[in-house]
N, C-alpha and C. Protein backbone atom coordinates (compact mmCIF):
# COMPACT_ATOMS: atom_id res chain seq x y z
N MET A 1 238.55 71.81 -95.60
CA MET A 1 239.52 71.27 -94.67
C MET A 1 239.24 69.78 -94.52
N ASN A 2 240.27 68.98 -94.69
CA ASN A 2 240.09 67.53 -94.52
C ASN A 2 240.37 67.14 -93.07
N LYS A 3 240.19 65.86 -92.75
CA LYS A 3 240.32 65.42 -91.36
C LYS A 3 241.74 65.62 -90.83
N ALA A 4 242.74 65.35 -91.65
CA ALA A 4 244.13 65.50 -91.20
C ALA A 4 244.42 66.96 -90.83
N GLN A 5 243.94 67.89 -91.64
CA GLN A 5 244.13 69.31 -91.34
C GLN A 5 243.37 69.71 -90.08
N PHE A 6 242.17 69.14 -89.91
CA PHE A 6 241.37 69.44 -88.73
C PHE A 6 242.06 68.89 -87.47
N ILE A 7 242.66 67.72 -87.57
CA ILE A 7 243.38 67.14 -86.43
C ILE A 7 244.53 68.06 -86.01
N GLU A 8 245.26 68.61 -86.98
CA GLU A 8 246.35 69.53 -86.67
C GLU A 8 245.82 70.79 -85.97
N LEU A 9 244.67 71.29 -86.41
CA LEU A 9 244.06 72.47 -85.81
C LEU A 9 243.63 72.18 -84.37
N VAL A 10 243.02 71.03 -84.15
CA VAL A 10 242.61 70.63 -82.79
C VAL A 10 243.84 70.43 -81.92
N GLN A 11 244.90 69.86 -82.47
CA GLN A 11 246.13 69.66 -81.71
C GLN A 11 246.68 71.01 -81.24
N LYS A 12 246.66 71.98 -82.12
CA LYS A 12 247.19 73.31 -81.79
C LYS A 12 246.32 73.99 -80.72
N HIS A 13 245.01 74.01 -80.92
CA HIS A 13 244.12 74.71 -79.99
C HIS A 13 243.93 73.96 -78.67
N GLY A 14 244.00 72.65 -78.72
CA GLY A 14 243.82 71.84 -77.51
C GLY A 14 245.10 71.56 -76.78
N GLU A 15 246.20 72.03 -77.34
CA GLU A 15 247.52 71.83 -76.76
C GLU A 15 247.83 70.35 -76.52
N PHE A 16 247.42 69.50 -77.48
CA PHE A 16 247.73 68.07 -77.41
C PHE A 16 249.18 67.88 -77.84
N LYS A 17 249.86 66.92 -77.26
CA LYS A 17 251.26 66.68 -77.58
C LYS A 17 251.42 65.97 -78.91
N THR A 18 250.47 65.10 -79.25
CA THR A 18 250.58 64.36 -80.51
C THR A 18 249.28 64.47 -81.31
N LYS A 19 249.40 64.16 -82.59
CA LYS A 19 248.22 64.14 -83.44
C LYS A 19 247.28 63.00 -83.05
N ILE A 20 247.84 61.93 -82.53
CA ILE A 20 247.04 60.78 -82.11
C ILE A 20 246.12 61.19 -80.96
N GLU A 21 246.64 61.98 -80.01
CA GLU A 21 245.80 62.45 -78.90
C GLU A 21 244.67 63.34 -79.42
N ALA A 22 244.98 64.22 -80.37
CA ALA A 22 243.96 65.10 -80.95
C ALA A 22 242.92 64.28 -81.71
N ASP A 23 243.37 63.28 -82.46
CA ASP A 23 242.45 62.40 -83.20
C ASP A 23 241.55 61.64 -82.23
N ASN A 24 242.12 61.15 -81.13
CA ASN A 24 241.32 60.45 -80.12
C ASN A 24 240.26 61.37 -79.51
N ALA A 25 240.62 62.63 -79.29
CA ALA A 25 239.66 63.59 -78.74
C ALA A 25 238.51 63.83 -79.72
N ILE A 26 238.83 63.98 -80.99
CA ILE A 26 237.79 64.18 -82.02
C ILE A 26 236.89 62.95 -82.09
N ASN A 27 237.49 61.77 -82.12
CA ASN A 27 236.71 60.53 -82.19
C ASN A 27 235.82 60.37 -80.95
N ALA A 28 236.35 60.70 -79.78
CA ALA A 28 235.56 60.58 -78.55
C ALA A 28 234.36 61.53 -78.60
N PHE A 29 234.58 62.75 -79.07
CA PHE A 29 233.49 63.72 -79.18
C PHE A 29 232.41 63.24 -80.15
N THR A 30 232.82 62.80 -81.34
CA THR A 30 231.82 62.38 -82.33
C THR A 30 231.07 61.12 -81.88
N GLU A 31 231.78 60.19 -81.23
CA GLU A 31 231.11 58.99 -80.74
C GLU A 31 230.13 59.32 -79.61
N ALA A 32 230.51 60.24 -78.74
CA ALA A 32 229.63 60.63 -77.63
C ALA A 32 228.37 61.33 -78.14
N VAL A 33 228.53 62.23 -79.11
CA VAL A 33 227.36 62.91 -79.68
C VAL A 33 226.48 61.90 -80.39
N THR A 34 227.07 61.00 -81.14
CA THR A 34 226.30 59.97 -81.85
C THR A 34 225.52 59.11 -80.87
N GLU A 35 226.16 58.68 -79.80
CA GLU A 35 225.49 57.85 -78.79
C GLU A 35 224.32 58.60 -78.15
N ALA A 36 224.51 59.87 -77.86
CA ALA A 36 223.43 60.68 -77.27
C ALA A 36 222.26 60.82 -78.24
N LEU A 37 222.55 61.06 -79.51
CA LEU A 37 221.49 61.23 -80.50
C LEU A 37 220.74 59.92 -80.73
N ILE A 38 221.43 58.80 -80.71
CA ILE A 38 220.78 57.50 -80.85
C ILE A 38 219.81 57.29 -79.69
N ALA A 39 220.18 57.78 -78.50
CA ALA A 39 219.32 57.67 -77.32
C ALA A 39 218.25 58.77 -77.30
N LYS A 40 218.17 59.54 -78.40
CA LYS A 40 217.21 60.64 -78.57
C LYS A 40 217.39 61.74 -77.51
N GLU A 41 218.63 61.97 -77.12
CA GLU A 41 218.96 63.04 -76.20
C GLU A 41 219.61 64.18 -76.98
N ASN A 42 219.33 65.41 -76.59
CA ASN A 42 219.95 66.57 -77.21
C ASN A 42 221.29 66.85 -76.54
N VAL A 43 222.23 67.39 -77.32
CA VAL A 43 223.53 67.79 -76.79
C VAL A 43 223.66 69.28 -77.06
N THR A 44 223.77 70.08 -75.99
CA THR A 44 223.87 71.53 -76.14
C THR A 44 225.21 72.00 -75.59
N LEU A 45 225.95 72.70 -76.43
CA LEU A 45 227.21 73.32 -76.04
C LEU A 45 226.98 74.83 -76.12
N VAL A 46 226.81 75.46 -74.97
CA VAL A 46 226.43 76.87 -74.90
C VAL A 46 227.41 77.72 -75.72
N GLY A 47 226.86 78.54 -76.59
CA GLY A 47 227.67 79.41 -77.44
C GLY A 47 228.06 78.77 -78.75
N PHE A 48 228.22 77.44 -78.77
CA PHE A 48 228.60 76.74 -80.00
C PHE A 48 227.38 76.30 -80.78
N GLY A 49 226.48 75.56 -80.11
CA GLY A 49 225.28 75.09 -80.78
C GLY A 49 224.72 73.85 -80.14
N SER A 50 223.70 73.30 -80.77
CA SER A 50 223.07 72.11 -80.21
C SER A 50 222.83 71.08 -81.30
N PHE A 51 223.00 69.83 -80.90
CA PHE A 51 222.75 68.69 -81.76
C PHE A 51 221.47 68.03 -81.26
N GLU A 52 220.60 67.61 -82.17
CA GLU A 52 219.39 66.91 -81.76
C GLU A 52 218.98 65.90 -82.81
N ALA A 53 218.25 64.89 -82.36
CA ALA A 53 217.68 63.90 -83.27
C ALA A 53 216.24 64.33 -83.51
N SER A 54 215.84 64.36 -84.77
CA SER A 54 214.51 64.84 -85.11
C SER A 54 213.84 63.84 -86.05
N LEU A 55 212.54 63.71 -85.93
CA LEU A 55 211.78 62.79 -86.78
C LEU A 55 211.49 63.46 -88.12
N LEU A 56 211.91 62.82 -89.21
CA LEU A 56 211.60 63.29 -90.55
C LEU A 56 210.47 62.43 -91.07
N LYS A 57 209.33 63.04 -91.29
CA LYS A 57 208.15 62.31 -91.74
C LYS A 57 208.37 61.77 -93.15
N GLY A 58 207.81 60.60 -93.41
CA GLY A 58 207.87 60.02 -94.74
C GLY A 58 206.99 60.79 -95.70
N LYS A 59 207.21 60.59 -96.97
CA LYS A 59 206.40 61.29 -97.97
C LYS A 59 206.19 60.39 -99.18
N THR A 60 205.26 60.77 -100.00
CA THR A 60 205.03 60.09 -101.28
C THR A 60 205.23 61.12 -102.38
N GLY A 61 205.65 60.63 -103.51
CA GLY A 61 205.87 61.54 -104.63
C GLY A 61 205.89 60.79 -105.94
N LYS A 62 206.01 61.56 -107.01
CA LYS A 62 206.02 61.00 -108.35
C LYS A 62 207.40 61.21 -108.94
N VAL A 63 207.91 60.19 -109.60
CA VAL A 63 209.21 60.27 -110.25
C VAL A 63 209.05 61.12 -111.51
N PRO A 64 209.83 62.21 -111.65
CA PRO A 64 209.68 63.08 -112.82
C PRO A 64 209.89 62.33 -114.14
N GLY A 65 209.01 62.54 -115.08
CA GLY A 65 209.13 61.93 -116.40
C GLY A 65 208.65 60.50 -116.48
N LYS A 66 208.14 59.96 -115.39
CA LYS A 66 207.65 58.58 -115.39
C LYS A 66 206.30 58.54 -114.69
N ASP A 67 205.61 57.42 -114.84
CA ASP A 67 204.32 57.26 -114.19
C ASP A 67 204.44 56.55 -112.85
N THR A 68 205.65 56.36 -112.36
CA THR A 68 205.83 55.64 -111.10
C THR A 68 205.85 56.61 -109.91
N THR A 69 205.46 56.09 -108.78
CA THR A 69 205.49 56.88 -107.55
C THR A 69 206.41 56.20 -106.55
N TYR A 70 206.75 56.95 -105.52
CA TYR A 70 207.60 56.39 -104.48
C TYR A 70 207.06 56.82 -103.12
N THR A 71 207.45 56.08 -102.11
CA THR A 71 207.08 56.39 -100.74
C THR A 71 208.31 56.23 -99.86
N THR A 72 208.56 57.22 -99.01
CA THR A 72 209.65 57.10 -98.05
C THR A 72 209.05 56.92 -96.66
N GLU A 73 209.79 56.28 -95.79
CA GLU A 73 209.30 56.01 -94.44
C GLU A 73 209.81 57.08 -93.47
N ASP A 74 209.13 57.18 -92.33
CA ASP A 74 209.58 58.06 -91.26
C ASP A 74 210.97 57.61 -90.81
N LYS A 75 211.83 58.57 -90.47
CA LYS A 75 213.16 58.21 -89.98
C LYS A 75 213.69 59.32 -89.08
N MET A 76 214.60 58.94 -88.21
CA MET A 76 215.26 59.91 -87.35
C MET A 76 216.49 60.46 -88.08
N VAL A 77 216.66 61.78 -88.01
CA VAL A 77 217.80 62.43 -88.66
C VAL A 77 218.49 63.37 -87.67
N PRO A 78 219.81 63.52 -87.77
CA PRO A 78 220.50 64.45 -86.89
C PRO A 78 220.35 65.89 -87.41
N LYS A 79 220.26 66.82 -86.47
CA LYS A 79 220.20 68.24 -86.82
C LYS A 79 221.16 69.01 -85.93
N PHE A 80 221.71 70.09 -86.47
CA PHE A 80 222.59 70.97 -85.71
C PHE A 80 222.08 72.39 -85.85
N LYS A 81 221.98 73.08 -84.72
CA LYS A 81 221.59 74.49 -84.74
C LYS A 81 222.73 75.28 -84.11
N ALA A 82 223.30 76.19 -84.88
CA ALA A 82 224.44 76.98 -84.41
C ALA A 82 224.01 77.94 -83.30
N GLY A 83 224.89 78.12 -82.32
CA GLY A 83 224.64 79.06 -81.22
C GLY A 83 225.01 80.48 -81.62
N LYS A 84 224.61 81.43 -80.81
CA LYS A 84 224.82 82.84 -81.11
C LYS A 84 226.30 83.19 -81.22
N THR A 85 227.12 82.70 -80.31
CA THR A 85 228.55 83.01 -80.35
C THR A 85 229.19 82.53 -81.64
N LEU A 86 228.86 81.30 -82.06
CA LEU A 86 229.39 80.74 -83.30
C LEU A 86 228.92 81.56 -84.50
N LYS A 87 227.64 81.89 -84.53
CA LYS A 87 227.08 82.69 -85.64
C LYS A 87 227.78 84.04 -85.72
N ASP A 88 227.95 84.70 -84.58
CA ASP A 88 228.58 86.02 -84.57
C ASP A 88 230.04 85.95 -85.00
N SER A 89 230.76 84.92 -84.57
CA SER A 89 232.17 84.78 -84.93
C SER A 89 232.33 84.55 -86.43
N VAL A 90 231.48 83.69 -86.99
CA VAL A 90 231.55 83.41 -88.42
C VAL A 90 231.18 84.66 -89.22
N ALA A 91 230.16 85.37 -88.78
CA ALA A 91 229.73 86.58 -89.48
C ALA A 91 230.81 87.65 -89.46
N ALA A 92 231.57 87.71 -88.36
CA ALA A 92 232.64 88.70 -88.24
C ALA A 92 233.92 88.26 -88.94
N GLY A 93 233.96 87.01 -89.40
CA GLY A 93 235.14 86.51 -90.11
C GLY A 93 236.30 86.20 -89.20
N LYS A 94 236.01 85.87 -87.95
CA LYS A 94 237.08 85.57 -86.98
C LYS A 94 237.59 84.18 -87.18
């Protein structure tokens, strides 16, 4: 599903009058979650899931087929954990 199709789905379920209103709602949600994660705050939507910022430790490794090595630095990455209601709905094919 692309963004345009998703906007139509949100418009239908959210009872928005226009696609622009639905697009604004999607943008507001993604910007709010992004802002919270940048501030290292978790966002939990009961039944749907939770978004969190997590530290991914750096590592060193060897490039396959070469004698060179690489090192990555520690960085913050976003994670999503699905809630029970979402998991059950997807499993049931709803």
